[in-house]
Amino acid sequence: MIKANDVHSAEQRLSEEQLYDFVAEELAQGEKRTGLWLKALENSEGIEDRAKALYIKYRVQSLKDEILVAAGEKAEQTKKKTAEKPPKGDGAGQVVAEVLGVSAWLILPLLIIASLIY
C-alpha cells in the first residue's frame, strides 16, 4: 500500500531534481547570479570548489523562492478578480512555468510541496 507521506517525499525529490537540472543548465551556459556567487565565495572562504557547491544550493533556494513569490502574486491577482470568471489554464503553475520557461506540469508538484511546507 502506498502511503501519502511516501508519495509526498517522492514528489518533493523529483521537483527538487528539476530545479537542480535547471541550475546545471544555467551553469553550462555560463550564467551565474552575481550576488549569489559572491555570497557563496564569502561563505566558502574563497575556496572555489566549495563556492560552486554553495552557489548551487543558494540558486536552488532562490528558484524555490521565485516560485513561491510568483504563486503569491498570482493568488493576489486572483483575489482581486473574484467577481470575474477565472480564465482557463492560467493558474499558479502556469505563472511559475512562464517565470522558469518550463512546462507547467513539471511545476505542479513543487507548488503542492510549497503549500505543504509553508
PDB file of N, CA and C in Angstrom:
ATOM      1  N   MET A   1       0.829  -1.182   0.000  1.00  0.00           N
ATOM      2  CA  MET A   1       0.000   0.000   0.000  1.00  0.00           C
ATOM      3  C   MET A   1       0.879   1.254   0.000  1.00  0.00           C
ATOM      4  N   ILE A   2       0.561   2.195  -0.847  1.00  0.00           N
ATOM      5  CA  ILE A   2       1.325   3.429  -0.953  1.00  0.00           C
ATOM      6  C   ILE A   2       0.821   4.436   0.073  1.00  0.00           C
ATOM      7  N   LYS A   3       1.743   4.992   0.825  1.00  0.00           N
ATOM      8  CA  LYS A   3       1.385   5.968   1.860  1.00  0.00           C
ATOM      9  C   LYS A   3       1.508   7.384   1.304  1.00  0.00           C
ATOM     10  N   ALA A   4       0.670   8.275   1.798  1.00  0.00           N
ATOM     11  CA  ALA A   4       0.677   9.667   1.348  1.00  0.00           C
ATOM     12  C   ALA A   4       2.031  10.326   1.593  1.00  0.00           C
ATOM     13  N   ASN A   5       2.664  10.010   2.717  1.00  0.00           N
ATOM     14  CA  ASN A   5       3.980  10.582   3.018  1.00  0.00           C
ATOM     15  C   ASN A   5       5.029  10.129   2.010  1.00  0.00           C
ATOM     16  N   ASP A   6       4.944   8.860   1.586  1.00  0.00           N
ATOM     17  CA  ASP A   6       5.890   8.343   0.604  1.00  0.00           C
ATOM     18  C   ASP A   6       5.731   9.070  -0.722  1.00  0.00           C
ATOM     19  N   VAL A   7       4.495   9.290  -1.123  1.00  0.00           N
ATOM     20  CA  VAL A   7       4.219   9.994  -2.384  1.00  0.00           C
ATOM     21  C   VAL A   7       4.708  11.427  -2.273  1.00  0.00           C
ATOM     22  N   HIS A   8       4.408  12.067  -1.154  1.00  0.00           N
ATOM     23  CA  HIS A   8       4.836  13.446  -0.938  1.00  0.00           C
ATOM     24  C   HIS A   8       6.359  13.557  -1.022  1.00  0.00           C
ATOM     25  N   SER A   9       7.066  12.645  -0.363  1.00  0.00           N
ATOM     26  CA  SER A   9       8.527  12.662  -0.381  1.00  0.00           C
ATOM     27  C   SER A   9       9.071  12.452  -1.790  1.00  0.00           C
ATOM     28  N   ALA A  10       8.467  11.534  -2.523  1.00  0.00           N
ATOM     29  CA  ALA A  10       8.903  11.270  -3.892  1.00  0.00           C
ATOM     30  C   ALA A  10       8.677  12.487  -4.777  1.00  0.00           C
ATOM     31  N   GLU A  11       7.511  13.118  -4.637  1.00  0.00           N
ATOM     32  CA  GLU A  11       7.224  14.318  -5.429  1.00  0.00           C
ATOM     33  C   GLU A  11       8.204  15.431  -5.110  1.00  0.00           C
ATOM     34  N   GLN A  12       8.522  15.578  -3.843  1.00  0.00           N
ATOM     35  CA  GLN A  12       9.453  16.619  -3.427  1.00  0.00           C
ATOM     36  C   GLN A  12      10.840  16.373  -4.029  1.00  0.00           C
ATOM     37  N   ARG A  13      11.306  15.141  -3.987  1.00  0.00           N
ATOM     38  CA  ARG A  13      12.621  14.830  -4.545  1.00  0.00           C
ATOM     39  C   ARG A  13      12.656  15.061  -6.053  1.00  0.00           C
ATOM     40  N   LEU A  14      11.597  14.655  -6.745  1.00  0.00           N
ATOM     41  CA  LEU A  14      11.550  14.840  -8.195  1.00  0.00           C
ATOM     42  C   LEU A  14      11.487  16.321  -8.572  1.00  0.00           C
ATOM     43  N   SER A  15      10.724  17.076  -7.830  1.00  0.00           N
ATOM     44  CA  SER A  15      10.628  18.512  -8.100  1.00  0.00           C
ATOM     45  C   SER A  15      11.958  19.199  -7.850  1.00  0.00           C
ATOM     46  N   GLU A  16      12.625  18.827  -6.775  1.00  0.00           N
ATOM     47  CA  GLU A  16      13.911  19.426  -6.460  1.00  0.00           C
ATOM     48  C   GLU A  16      14.952  19.046  -7.515  1.00  0.00           C
ATOM     49  N   GLU A  17      14.867  17.826  -8.009  1.00  0.00           N
ATOM     50  CA  GLU A  17      15.788  17.395  -9.064  1.00  0.00           C
ATOM     51  C   GLU A  17      15.644  18.283 -10.297  1.00  0.00           C
ATOM     52  N   GLN A  18      14.413  18.658 -10.624  1.00  0.00           N
ATOM     53  CA  GLN A  18      14.182  19.540 -11.766  1.00  0.00           C
ATOM     54  C   GLN A  18      14.848  20.897 -11.559  1.00  0.00           C
ATOM     55  N   LEU A  19      14.818  21.384 -10.342  1.00  0.00           N
ATOM     56  CA  LEU A  19      15.470  22.662 -10.054  1.00  0.00           C
ATOM     57  C   LEU A  19      16.983  22.539 -10.200  1.00  0.00           C
ATOM     58  N   TYR A  20      17.547  21.443  -9.726  1.00  0.00           N
ATOM     59  CA  TYR A  20      18.988  21.231  -9.879  1.00  0.00           C
ATOM     60  C   TYR A  20      19.360  21.110 -11.361  1.00  0.00           C
ATOM     61  N   ASP A  21      18.514  20.452 -12.148  1.00  0.00           N
ATOM     62  CA  ASP A  21      18.753  20.371 -13.596  1.00  0.00           C
ATOM     63  C   ASP A  21      18.750  21.764 -14.217  1.00  0.00           C
ATOM     64  N   PHE A  22      17.822  22.594 -13.766  1.00  0.00           N
ATOM     65  CA  PHE A  22      17.725  23.962 -14.279  1.00  0.00           C
ATOM     66  C   PHE A  22      19.003  24.740 -13.958  1.00  0.00           C
ATOM     67  N   VAL A  23      19.497  24.608 -12.727  1.00  0.00           N
ATOM     68  CA  VAL A  23      20.730  25.298 -12.330  1.00  0.00           C
ATOM     69  C   VAL A  23      21.920  24.748 -13.116  1.00  0.00           C
ATOM     70  N   ALA A  24      21.958  23.443 -13.321  1.00  0.00           N
ATOM     71  CA  ALA A  24      23.050  22.846 -14.101  1.00  0.00           C
ATOM     72  C   ALA A  24      23.079  23.420 -15.515  1.00  0.00           C
ATOM     73  N   GLU A  25      21.900  23.588 -16.102  1.00  0.00           N
ATOM     74  CA  GLU A  25      21.813  24.166 -17.448  1.00  0.00           C
ATOM     75  C   GLU A  25      22.299  25.616 -17.445  1.00  0.00           C
ATOM     76  N   GLU A  26      21.908  26.371 -16.432  1.00  0.00           N
ATOM     77  CA  GLU A  26      22.384  27.756 -16.315  1.00  0.00           C
ATOM     78  C   GLU A  26      23.910  27.799 -16.248  1.00  0.00           C
ATOM     79  N   LEU A  27      24.484  26.955 -15.411  1.00  0.00           N
ATOM     80  CA  LEU A  27      25.938  26.937 -15.262  1.00  0.00           C
ATOM     81  C   LEU A  27      26.628  26.502 -16.545  1.00  0.00           C
ATOM     82  N   ALA A  28      26.031  25.541 -17.243  1.00  0.00           N
ATOM     83  CA  ALA A  28      26.600  25.083 -18.512  1.00  0.00           C
ATOM     84  C   ALA A  28      26.622  26.208 -19.546  1.00  0.00           C
ATOM     85  N   GLN A  29      25.663  27.124 -19.435  1.00  0.00           N
ATOM     86  CA  GLN A  29      25.597  28.260 -20.345  1.00  0.00           C
ATOM     87  C   GLN A  29      26.405  29.453 -19.838  1.00  0.00           C
ATOM     88  N   GLY A  30      27.078  29.271 -18.712  1.00  0.00           N
ATOM     89  CA  GLY A  30      27.912  30.336 -18.161  1.00  0.00           C
ATOM     90  C   GLY A  30      27.137  31.401 -17.407  1.00  0.00           C
ATOM     91  N   GLU A  31      25.914  31.102 -17.025  1.00  0.00           N
ATOM     92  CA  GLU A  31      25.082  32.071 -16.303  1.00  0.00           C
ATOM     93  C   GLU A  31      25.256  31.892 -14.804  1.00  0.00           C
ATOM     94  N   LYS A  32      25.525  32.996 -14.118  1.00  0.00           N
ATOM     95  CA  LYS A  32      25.598  33.000 -12.655  1.00  0.00           C
ATOM     96  C   LYS A  32      24.979  34.292 -12.166  1.00  0.00           C
ATOM     97  N   ARG A  33      24.284  34.218 -11.071  1.00  0.00           N
ATOM     98  CA  ARG A  33      23.766  35.416 -10.408  1.00  0.00           C
ATOM     99  C   ARG A  33      24.899  35.968  -9.544  1.00  0.00           C
ATOM    100  N   THR A  34      25.313  37.157  -9.864  1.00  0.00           N
ATOM    101  CA  THR A  34      26.489  37.735  -9.218  1.00  0.00           C
ATOM    102  C   THR A  34      26.360  37.789  -7.701  1.00  0.00           C
ATOM    103  N   GLY A  35      25.226  38.250  -7.203  1.00  0.00           N
ATOM    104  CA  GLY A  35      25.046  38.344  -5.760  1.00  0.00           C
ATOM    105  C   GLY A  35      25.151  36.999  -5.074  1.00  0.00           C
ATOM    106  N   LEU A  36      24.525  35.987  -5.650  1.00  0.00           N
ATOM    107  CA  LEU A  36      24.591  34.648  -5.054  1.00  0.00           C
ATOM    108  C   LEU A  36      26.009  34.085  -5.125  1.00  0.00           C
ATOM    109  N   TRP A  37      26.699  34.359  -6.235  1.00  0.00           N
ATOM    110  CA  TRP A  37      28.064  33.867  -6.387  1.00  0.00           C
ATOM    111  C   TRP A  37      28.976  34.505  -5.339  1.00  0.00           C
ATOM    112  N   LEU A  38      28.820  35.810  -5.113  1.00  0.00           N
ATOM    113  CA  LEU A  38      29.636  36.484  -4.105  1.00  0.00           C
ATOM    114  C   LEU A  38      29.331  35.961  -2.702  1.00  0.00           C
ATOM    115  N   LYS A  39      28.060  35.698  -2.432  1.00  0.00           N
ATOM    116  CA  LYS A  39      27.677  35.123  -1.140  1.00  0.00           C
ATOM    117  C   LYS A  39      28.327  33.748  -0.967  1.00  0.00           C
ATOM    118  N   ALA A  40      28.313  32.952  -2.020  1.00  0.00           N
ATOM    119  CA  ALA A  40      28.920  31.624  -1.964  1.00  0.00           C
ATOM    120  C   ALA A  40      30.432  31.720  -1.756  1.00  0.00           C
ATOM    121  N   LEU A  41      31.081  32.651  -2.448  1.00  0.00           N
ATOM    122  CA  LEU A  41      32.526  32.842  -2.262  1.00  0.00           C
ATOM    123  C   LEU A  41      32.845  33.253  -0.828  1.00  0.00           C
ATOM    124  N   GLU A  42      32.058  34.163  -0.302  1.00  0.00           N
ATOM    125  CA  GLU A  42      32.279  34.622   1.068  1.00  0.00           C
ATOM    126  C   GLU A  42      32.115  33.471   2.058  1.00  0.00           C
ATOM    127  N   ASN A  43      31.061  32.712   1.897  1.00  0.00           N
ATOM    128  CA  ASN A  43      30.788  31.623   2.834  1.00  0.00           C
ATOM    129  C   ASN A  43      31.697  30.417   2.659  1.00  0.00           C
ATOM    130  N   SER A  44      32.431  30.381   1.563  1.00  0.00           N
ATOM    131  CA  SER A  44      33.369  29.273   1.343  1.00  0.00           C
ATOM    132  C   SER A  44      34.807  29.694   1.633  1.00  0.00           C
ATOM    133  N   GLU A  45      34.958  30.923   2.146  1.00  0.00           N
ATOM    134  CA  GLU A  45      36.278  31.481   2.439  1.00  0.00           C
ATOM    135  C   GLU A  45      37.161  31.502   1.197  1.00  0.00           C
ATOM    136  N   GLY A  46      36.528  31.718   0.057  1.00  0.00           N
ATOM    137  CA  GLY A  46      37.256  31.872  -1.199  1.00  0.00           C
ATOM    138  C   GLY A  46      37.676  30.581  -1.877  1.00  0.00           C
ATOM    139  N   ILE A  47      37.286  29.455  -1.335  1.00  0.00           N
ATOM    140  CA  ILE A  47      37.650  28.164  -1.941  1.00  0.00           C
ATOM    141  C   ILE A  47      36.647  27.886  -3.062  1.00  0.00           C
ATOM    142  N   GLU A  48      37.151  27.884  -4.286  1.00  0.00           N
ATOM    143  CA  GLU A  48      36.311  27.848  -5.478  1.00  0.00           C
ATOM    144  C   GLU A  48      35.374  26.643  -5.549  1.00  0.00           C
ATOM    145  N   ASP A  49      35.860  25.446  -5.237  1.00  0.00           N
ATOM    146  CA  ASP A  49      35.007  24.252  -5.313  1.00  0.00           C
ATOM    147  C   ASP A  49      33.866  24.323  -4.294  1.00  0.00           C
ATOM    148  N   ARG A  50      34.173  24.784  -3.103  1.00  0.00           N
ATOM    149  CA  ARG A  50      33.131  24.939  -2.091  1.00  0.00           C
ATOM    150  C   ARG A  50      32.144  26.028  -2.498  1.00  0.00           C
ATOM    151  N   ALA A  51      32.684  27.087  -3.100  1.00  0.00           N
ATOM    152  CA  ALA A  51      31.829  28.192  -3.547  1.00  0.00           C
ATOM    153  C   ALA A  51      30.842  27.708  -4.603  1.00  0.00           C
ATOM    154  N   LYS A  52      31.300  26.863  -5.505  1.00  0.00           N
ATOM    155  CA  LYS A  52      30.404  26.355  -6.551  1.00  0.00           C
ATOM    156  C   LYS A  52      29.282  25.515  -5.931  1.00  0.00           C
ATOM    157  N   ALA A  53      29.634  24.672  -4.986  1.00  0.00           N
ATOM    158  CA  ALA A  53      28.617  23.844  -4.326  1.00  0.00           C
ATOM    159  C   ALA A  53      27.617  24.721  -3.568  1.00  0.00           C
ATOM    160  N   LEU A  54      28.113  25.731  -2.878  1.00  0.00           N
ATOM    161  CA  LEU A  54      27.218  26.634  -2.156  1.00  0.00           C
ATOM    162  C   LEU A  54      26.345  27.429  -3.122  1.00  0.00           C
ATOM    163  N   TYR A  55      26.943  27.856  -4.235  1.00  0.00           N
ATOM    164  CA  TYR A  55      26.172  28.612  -5.224  1.00  0.00           C
ATOM    165  C   TYR A  55      24.985  27.784  -5.707  1.00  0.00           C
ATOM    166  N   ILE A  56      25.225  26.522  -6.004  1.00  0.00           N
ATOM    167  CA  ILE A  56      24.149  25.648  -6.476  1.00  0.00           C
ATOM    168  C   ILE A  56      23.043  25.562  -5.421  1.00  0.00           C
ATOM    169  N   LYS A  57      23.437  25.379  -4.181  1.00  0.00           N
ATOM    170  CA  LYS A  57      22.457  25.319  -3.088  1.00  0.00           C
ATOM    171  C   LYS A  57      21.670  26.623  -3.006  1.00  0.00           C
ATOM    172  N   TYR A  58      22.364  27.752  -3.055  1.00  0.00           N
ATOM    173  CA  TYR A  58      21.702  29.052  -2.960  1.00  0.00           C
ATOM    174  C   TYR A  58      20.797  29.307  -4.160  1.00  0.00           C
ATOM    175  N   ARG A  59      21.228  28.889  -5.340  1.00  0.00           N
ATOM    176  CA  ARG A  59      20.425  29.141  -6.542  1.00  0.00           C
ATOM    177  C   ARG A  59      19.155  28.299  -6.529  1.00  0.00           C
ATOM    178  N   VAL A  60      19.244  27.057  -6.093  1.00  0.00           N
ATOM    179  CA  VAL A  60      18.049  26.209  -5.988  1.00  0.00           C
ATOM    180  C   VAL A  60      17.061  26.845  -5.014  1.00  0.00           C
ATOM    181  N   GLN A  61      17.552  27.340  -3.880  1.00  0.00           N
ATOM    182  CA  GLN A  61      16.662  28.003  -2.920  1.00  0.00           C
ATOM    183  C   GLN A  61      16.070  29.266  -3.539  1.00  0.00           C
ATOM    184  N   SER A  62      16.869  29.982  -4.314  1.00  0.00           N
ATOM    185  CA  SER A  62      16.386  31.190  -4.985  1.00  0.00           C
ATOM    186  C   SER A  62      15.244  30.851  -5.948  1.00  0.00           C
ATOM    187  N   LEU A  63      15.366  29.749  -6.666  1.00  0.00           N
ATOM    188  CA  LEU A  63      14.296  29.322  -7.574  1.00  0.00           C
ATOM    189  C   LEU A  63      13.035  28.962  -6.809  1.00  0.00           C
ATOM    190  N   LYS A  64      13.198  28.276  -5.679  1.00  0.00           N
ATOM    191  CA  LYS A  64      12.038  27.947  -4.846  1.00  0.00           C
ATOM    192  C   LYS A  64      11.356  29.237  -4.383  1.00  0.00           C
ATOM    193  N   ASP A  65      12.159  30.211  -3.994  1.00  0.00           N
ATOM    194  CA  ASP A  65      11.608  31.494  -3.554  1.00  0.00           C
ATOM    195  C   ASP A  65      10.873  32.197  -4.692  1.00  0.00           C
ATOM    196  N   GLU A  66      11.446  32.178  -5.888  1.00  0.00           N
ATOM    197  CA  GLU A  66      10.798  32.793  -7.048  1.00  0.00           C
ATOM    198  C   GLU A  66       9.447  32.135  -7.335  1.00  0.00           C
ATOM    199  N   ILE A  67       9.397  30.825  -7.198  1.00  0.00           N
ATOM    200  CA  ILE A  67       8.150  30.100  -7.424  1.00  0.00           C
ATOM    201  C   ILE A  67       7.098  30.521  -6.400  1.00  0.00           C
ATOM    202  N   LEU A  68       7.500  30.599  -5.141  1.00  0.00           N
ATOM    203  CA  LEU A  68       6.556  30.990  -4.093  1.00  0.00           C
ATOM    204  C   LEU A  68       6.078  32.425  -4.270  1.00  0.00           C
ATOM    205  N   VAL A  69       6.988  33.320  -4.622  1.00  0.00           N
ATOM    206  CA  VAL A  69       6.602  34.721  -4.833  1.00  0.00           C
ATOM    207  C   VAL A  69       5.640  34.824  -6.010  1.00  0.00           C
ATOM    208  N   ALA A  70       5.952  34.128  -7.111  1.00  0.00           N
ATOM    209  CA  ALA A  70       5.065  34.162  -8.280  1.00  0.00           C
ATOM    210  C   ALA A  70       3.691  33.601  -7.940  1.00  0.00           C
ATOM    211  N   ALA A  71       3.658  32.530  -7.162  1.00  0.00           N
ATOM    212  CA  ALA A  71       2.376  31.944  -6.770  1.00  0.00           C
ATOM    213  C   ALA A  71       1.606  32.905  -5.867  1.00  0.00           C
ATOM    214  N   GLY A  72       2.311  33.583  -4.977  1.00  0.00           N
ATOM    215  CA  GLY A  72       1.671  34.559  -4.101  1.00  0.00           C
ATOM    216  C   GLY A  72       1.105  35.734  -4.870  1.00  0.00           C
ATOM    217  N   GLU A  73       1.870  36.217  -5.843  1.00  0.00           N
ATOM    218  CA  GLU A  73       1.392  37.323  -6.670  1.00  0.00           C
ATOM    219  C   GLU A  73       0.169  36.904  -7.479  1.00  0.00           C
ATOM    220  N   LYS A  74       0.192  35.691  -7.981  1.00  0.00           N
ATOM    221  CA  LYS A  74      -0.947  35.189  -8.744  1.00  0.00           C
ATOM    222  C   LYS A  74      -2.171  35.061  -7.850  1.00  0.00           C
ATOM    223  N   ALA A  75      -1.961  34.619  -6.616  1.00  0.00           N
ATOM    224  CA  ALA A  75      -3.081  34.499  -5.671  1.00  0.00           C
ATOM    225  C   ALA A  75      -3.687  35.867  -5.384  1.00  0.00           C
ATOM    226  N   GLU A  76      -2.854  36.880  -5.255  1.00  0.00           N
ATOM    227  CA  GLU A  76      -3.345  38.237  -5.016  1.00  0.00           C
ATOM    228  C   GLU A  76      -4.147  38.742  -6.211  1.00  0.00           C
ATOM    229  N   GLN A  77      -3.656  38.481  -7.409  1.00  0.00           N
ATOM    230  CA  GLN A  77      -4.380  38.892  -8.613  1.00  0.00           C
ATOM    231  C   GLN A  77      -5.730  38.192  -8.684  1.00  0.00           C
ATOM    232  N   THR A  78      -5.736  36.915  -8.351  1.00  0.00           N
ATOM    233  CA  THR A  78      -6.971  36.134  -8.385  1.00  0.00           C
ATOM    234  C   THR A  78      -7.968  36.669  -7.360  1.00  0.00           C
ATOM    235  N   LYS A  79      -7.464  37.034  -6.196  1.00  0.00           N
ATOM    236  CA  LYS A  79      -8.313  37.591  -5.154  1.00  0.00           C
ATOM    237  C   LYS A  79      -9.017  38.859  -5.645  1.00  0.00           C
ATOM    238  N   LYS A  80      -8.271  39.690  -6.348  1.00  0.00           N
ATOM    239  CA  LYS A  80      -8.809  40.958  -6.834  1.00  0.00           C
ATOM    240  C   LYS A  80      -9.853  40.756  -7.918  1.00  0.00           C
ATOM    241  N   LYS A  81      -9.791  39.609  -8.576  1.00  0.00           N
ATOM    242  CA  LYS A  81     -10.717  39.336  -9.677  1.00  0.00           C
ATOM    243  C   LYS A  81     -11.838  38.381  -9.259  1.00  0.00           C
ATOM    244  N   THR A  82     -12.204  38.368  -8.002  1.00  0.00           N
ATOM    245  CA  THR A  82     -13.214  37.416  -7.523  1.00  0.00           C
ATOM    246  C   THR A  82     -14.553  37.577  -8.228  1.00  0.00           C
ATOM    247  N   ALA A  83     -14.856  38.766  -8.664  1.00  0.00           N
ATOM    248  CA  ALA A  83     -16.135  38.992  -9.338  1.00  0.00           C
ATOM    249  C   ALA A  83     -16.119  38.474 -10.773  1.00  0.00           C
ATOM    250  N   GLU A  84     -14.918  38.361 -11.334  1.00  0.00           N
ATOM    251  CA  GLU A  84     -14.793  37.901 -12.719  1.00  0.00           C
ATOM    252  C   GLU A  84     -14.710  36.380 -12.781  1.00  0.00           C
ATOM    253  N   LYS A  85     -15.008  35.853 -13.936  1.00  0.00           N
ATOM    254  CA  LYS A  85     -14.864  34.424 -14.162  1.00  0.00           C
ATOM    255  C   LYS A  85     -13.370  34.120 -14.335  1.00  0.00           C
ATOM    256  N   PRO A  86     -12.828  33.145 -13.598  1.00  0.00           N
ATOM    257  CA  PRO A  86     -11.397  32.847 -13.713  1.00  0.00           C
ATOM    258  C   PRO A  86     -11.056  32.296 -15.103  1.00  0.00           C
ATOM    259  N   PRO A  87      -9.957  32.771 -15.697  1.00  0.00           N
ATOM    260  CA  PRO A  87      -9.561  32.289 -17.013  1.00  0.00           C
ATOM    261  C   PRO A  87      -9.071  30.838 -16.950  1.00  0.00           C
ATOM    262  N   LYS A  88      -9.305  30.096 -18.004  1.00  0.00           N
ATOM    263  CA  LYS A  88      -8.873  28.698 -18.057  1.00  0.00           C
ATOM    264  C   LYS A  88      -7.365  28.626 -18.294  1.00  0.00           C
ATOM    265  N   GLY A  89      -6.714  27.665 -17.611  1.00  0.00           N
ATOM    266  CA  GLY A  89      -5.301  27.399 -17.835  1.00  0.00           C
ATOM    267  C   GLY A  89      -4.373  28.509 -17.381  1.00  0.00           C
ATOM    268  N   ASP A  90      -4.823  29.377 -16.486  1.00  0.00           N
ATOM    269  CA  ASP A  90      -3.996  30.495 -16.067  1.00  0.00           C
ATOM    270  C   ASP A  90      -3.722  30.432 -14.571  1.00  0.00           C
ATOM    271  N   GLY A  91      -3.431  29.241 -14.074  1.00  0.00           N
ATOM    272  CA  GLY A  91      -3.211  29.053 -12.647  1.00  0.00           C
ATOM    273  C   GLY A  91      -1.785  29.362 -12.244  1.00  0.00           C
ATOM    274  N   ALA A  92      -1.486  29.127 -10.974  1.00  0.00           N
ATOM    275  CA  ALA A  92      -0.164  29.414 -10.435  1.00  0.00           C
ATOM    276  C   ALA A  92       0.916  28.612 -11.154  1.00  0.00           C
ATOM    277  N   GLY A  93       0.610  27.365 -11.511  1.00  0.00           N
ATOM    278  CA  GLY A  93       1.586  26.547 -12.241  1.00  0.00           C
ATOM    279  C   GLY A  93       1.986  27.183 -13.555  1.00  0.00           C
ATOM    280  N   GLN A  94       1.027  27.803 -14.233  1.00  0.00           N
ATOM    281  CA  GLN A  94       1.313  28.474 -15.494  1.00  0.00           C
ATOM    282  C   GLN A  94       2.227  29.680 -15.271  1.00  0.00           C
ATOM    283  N   VAL A  95       1.979  30.439 -14.218  1.00  0.00           N
ATOM    284  CA  VAL A  95       2.806  31.610 -13.906  1.00  0.00           C
ATOM    285  C   VAL A  95       4.236  31.174 -13.630  1.00  0.00           C
ATOM    286  N   VAL A  96       4.400  30.148 -12.811  1.00  0.00           N
ATOM    287  CA  VAL A  96       5.727  29.645 -12.480  1.00  0.00           C
ATOM    288  C   VAL A  96       6.416  29.124 -13.725  1.00  0.00           C
ATOM    289  N   ALA A  97       5.692  28.414 -14.553  1.00  0.00           N
ATOM    290  CA  ALA A  97       6.261  27.894 -15.793  1.00  0.00           C
ATOM    291  C   ALA A  97       6.768  29.034 -16.670  1.00  0.00           C
ATOM    292  N   GLU A  98       6.019  30.130 -16.716  1.00  0.00           N
ATOM    293  CA  GLU A  98       6.450  31.283 -17.500  1.00  0.00           C
ATOM    294  C   GLU A  98       7.710  31.896 -16.903  1.00  0.00           C
ATOM    295  N   VAL A  99       7.793  31.952 -15.568  1.00  0.00           N
ATOM    296  CA  VAL A  99       8.969  32.521 -14.906  1.00  0.00           C
ATOM    297  C   VAL A  99      10.213  31.689 -15.226  1.00  0.00           C
ATOM    298  N   LEU A 100      10.082  30.366 -15.158  1.00  0.00           N
ATOM    299  CA  LEU A 100      11.232  29.493 -15.371  1.00  0.00           C
ATOM    300  C   LEU A 100      11.407  29.046 -16.815  1.00  0.00           C
ATOM    301  N   GLY A 101      10.381  29.233 -17.627  1.00  0.00           N
ATOM    302  CA  GLY A 101      10.464  28.813 -19.018  1.00  0.00           C
ATOM    303  C   GLY A 101      10.389  27.306 -19.183  1.00  0.00           C
ATOM    304  N   VAL A 102       9.608  26.645 -18.337  1.00  0.00           N
ATOM    305  CA  VAL A 102       9.445  25.197 -18.435  1.00  0.00           C
ATOM    306  C   VAL A 102       7.966  24.866 -18.507  1.00  0.00           C
ATOM    307  N   SER A 103       7.682  23.610 -18.743  1.00  0.00           N
ATOM    308  CA  SER A 103       6.303  23.150 -18.836  1.00  0.00           C
ATOM    309  C   SER A 103       5.602  23.250 -17.493  1.00  0.00           C
ATOM    310  N   ALA A 104       4.359  23.698 -17.505  1.00  0.00           N
ATOM    311  CA  ALA A 104       3.593  23.891 -16.269  1.00  0.00           C
ATOM    312  C   ALA A 104       3.418  22.577 -15.505  1.00  0.00           C
ATOM    313  N   TRP A 105       3.288  21.463 -16.182  1.00  0.00           N
ATOM    314  CA  TRP A 105       3.057  20.204 -15.467  1.00  0.00           C
ATOM    315  C   TRP A 105       4.274  19.776 -14.665  1.00  0.00           C
ATOM    316  N   LEU A 106       5.461  20.301 -14.986  1.00  0.00           N
ATOM    317  CA  LEU A 106       6.648  19.992 -14.197  1.00  0.00           C
ATOM    318  C   LEU A 106       6.661  20.766 -12.881  1.00  0.00           C
ATOM    319  N   ILE A 107       5.963  21.876 -12.828  1.00  0.00           N
ATOM    320  CA  ILE A 107       5.990  22.754 -11.671  1.00  0.00           C
ATOM    321  C   ILE A 107       4.925  22.395 -10.644  1.00  0.00           C
ATOM    322  N   LEU A 108       3.852  21.768 -11.061  1.00  0.00           N
ATOM    323  CA  LEU A 108       2.738  21.478 -10.163  1.00  0.00           C
ATOM    324  C   LEU A 108       3.169  20.773  -8.876  1.00  0.00           C
ATOM    325  N   PRO A 109       4.003  19.727  -8.940  1.00  0.00           N
ATOM    326  CA  PRO A 109       4.422  19.090  -7.675  1.00  0.00           C
ATOM    327  C   PRO A 109       5.138  20.060  -6.740  1.00  0.00           C
ATOM    328  N   LEU A 110       5.927  20.979  -7.296  1.00  0.00           N
ATOM    329  CA  LEU A 110       6.621  21.956  -6.470  1.00  0.00           C
ATOM    330  C   LEU A 110       5.646  22.855  -5.734  1.00  0.00           C
ATOM    331  N   LEU A 111       4.610  23.289  -6.430  1.00  0.00           N
ATOM    332  CA  LEU A 111       3.615  24.151  -5.801  1.00  0.00           C
ATOM    333  C   LEU A 111       2.885  23.414  -4.683  1.00  0.00           C
ATOM    334  N   ILE A 112       2.603  22.143  -4.907  1.00  0.00           N
ATOM    335  CA  ILE A 112       1.930  21.339  -3.893  1.00  0.00           C
ATOM    336  C   ILE A 112       2.843  21.222  -2.663  1.00  0.00           C
ATOM    337  N   ILE A 113       4.109  20.936  -2.895  1.00  0.00           N
ATOM    338  CA  ILE A 113       5.065  20.798  -1.802  1.00  0.00           C
ATOM    339  C   ILE A 113       5.212  22.117  -1.056  1.00  0.00           C
ATOM    340  N   ALA A 114       5.327  23.196  -1.814  1.00  0.00           N
ATOM    341  CA  ALA A 114       5.488  24.505  -1.182  1.00  0.00           C
ATOM    342  C   ALA A 114       4.297  24.840  -0.305  1.00  0.00           C
ATOM    343  N   SER A 115       3.100  24.486  -0.766  1.00  0.00           N
ATOM    344  CA  SER A 115       1.916  24.781   0.041  1.00  0.00           C
ATOM    345  C   SER A 115       1.896  23.946   1.316  1.00  0.00           C
ATOM    346  N   LEU A 116       2.473  22.764   1.278  1.00  0.00           N
ATOM    347  CA  LEU A 116       2.520  21.925   2.469  1.00  0.00           C
ATOM    348  C   LEU A 116       3.594  22.373   3.452  1.00  0.00           C
ATOM    349  N   ILE A 117       4.706  22.909   2.911  1.00  0.00           N
ATOM    350  CA  ILE A 117       5.819  23.336   3.740  1.00  0.00           C
ATOM    351  C   ILE A 117       5.524  24.665   4.410  1.00  0.00           C
ATOM    352  N   TYR A 118       4.986  25.596   3.632  1.00  0.00           N
ATOM    353  CA  TYR A 118       4.759  26.936   4.149  1.00  0.00           C
ATOM    354  C   TYR A 118       3.324  27.050   4.516  1.00  0.00           C
TER     355      TYR A 118
END
